Amino acid sequence: MNTKMIAAIAAAAMVGLSGCASTGIDRNTAGTVGGAVLGGVIGSAVGGGTLGTVGGAAAGAVIGNQATKPGTRY
């Protein structure tokens, strides 16, 4: 349980800090990758196993991609 909590905190920090870096990656790609990472961590913590991790990563990638589409304003 503690390992999953640490992984979730580390992933959230990484996603949060990735916005500060100037890596040359466009906003949509960063949103897709960040969503996949965060979704994978959440899927692993909630569903457990490989299927939960992969399912969470896929769902997170789709959500991250759609949320950061060019022209989308939230």
Protein backbone atom coordinates (compact mmCIF):
# COMPACT_ATOMS: atom_id res chain seq x y z
CA MET A 1 0.00 0.00 0.00
CA ASN A 2 2.77 2.46 0.84
CA THR A 3 4.59 1.71 -2.41
CA LYS A 4 1.48 2.52 -4.43
CA MET A 5 0.98 5.76 -2.53
CA ILE A 6 4.57 6.82 -3.14
CA ALA A 7 4.27 5.95 -6.83
CA ALA A 8 1.06 7.98 -7.10
CA ILE A 9 2.63 10.99 -5.42
CA ALA A 10 5.74 10.74 -7.60
CA ALA A 11 3.65 10.50 -10.77
CA ALA A 12 1.49 13.45 -9.77
CA ALA A 13 4.59 15.52 -9.03
CA MET A 14 6.16 14.54 -12.35
CA VAL A 15 3.02 15.47 -14.28
CA GLY A 16 2.72 18.74 -12.40
CA LEU A 17 6.33 19.70 -12.94
CA SER A 18 6.36 18.71 -16.60
CA GLY A 19 4.47 21.91 -17.38
CA CYS A 20 7.45 23.91 -16.14
CA ALA A 21 9.98 22.30 -18.44
CA SER A 22 10.70 23.64 -21.89
CA THR A 23 11.23 20.37 -23.73
CA GLY A 24 9.82 21.42 -27.07
CA ILE A 25 6.86 19.02 -26.75
CA ASP A 26 3.54 20.48 -27.80
CA ARG A 27 0.69 20.79 -25.32
CA ASN A 28 -1.35 17.95 -26.82
CA THR A 29 1.49 15.43 -26.61
CA ALA A 30 2.29 16.44 -23.04
CA GLY A 31 -1.37 16.04 -22.09
CA THR A 32 -1.55 12.59 -23.68
CA VAL A 33 1.63 11.35 -22.00
CA GLY A 34 0.75 12.91 -18.65
CA GLY A 35 -2.73 11.42 -18.77
CA ALA A 36 -1.33 7.99 -19.60
CA VAL A 37 1.12 8.10 -16.69
CA LEU A 38 -1.43 9.31 -14.20
CA GLY A 39 -4.09 6.92 -15.50
CA GLY A 40 -1.69 4.00 -15.27
CA VAL A 41 -0.84 4.80 -11.66
CA ILE A 42 -4.49 5.20 -10.72
CA GLY A 43 -5.47 2.06 -12.65
CA SER A 44 -2.79 0.07 -10.87
CA ALA A 45 -3.86 1.36 -7.46
CA VAL A 46 -7.59 0.82 -8.05
CA GLY A 47 -7.77 -2.20 -10.35
CA GLY A 48 -4.43 -3.81 -9.59
CA GLY A 49 -2.56 -6.05 -11.95
CA THR A 50 -1.57 -5.54 -15.53
CA LEU A 51 -5.08 -5.10 -16.88
CA GLY A 52 -5.88 -2.29 -14.43
CA THR A 53 -2.63 -0.51 -15.23
CA VAL A 54 -2.99 -0.78 -19.00
CA GLY A 55 -6.68 0.13 -18.91
CA GLY A 56 -6.02 3.14 -16.72
CA ALA A 57 -3.15 4.27 -18.95
CA ALA A 58 -5.31 3.98 -22.06
CA ALA A 59 -8.20 5.87 -20.51
CA GLY A 60 -5.85 8.54 -19.12
CA ALA A 61 -4.19 8.99 -22.51
CA VAL A 62 -7.53 9.52 -24.23
CA ILE A 63 -8.72 11.97 -21.59
CA GLY A 64 -5.39 13.85 -21.61
CA ASN A 65 -5.42 14.02 -25.40
CA GLN A 66 -8.97 15.30 -25.63
CA ALA A 67 -8.49 17.83 -22.82
CA THR A 68 -5.48 19.41 -24.53
CA LYS A 69 -6.70 19.39 -28.13
CA PRO A 70 -5.85 22.57 -29.99
CA GLY A 71 -8.76 24.96 -29.89
CA THR A 72 -10.24 23.43 -26.72
CA ARG A 73 -10.78 25.92 -23.92
CA TYR A 74 -11.61 24.89 -20.36
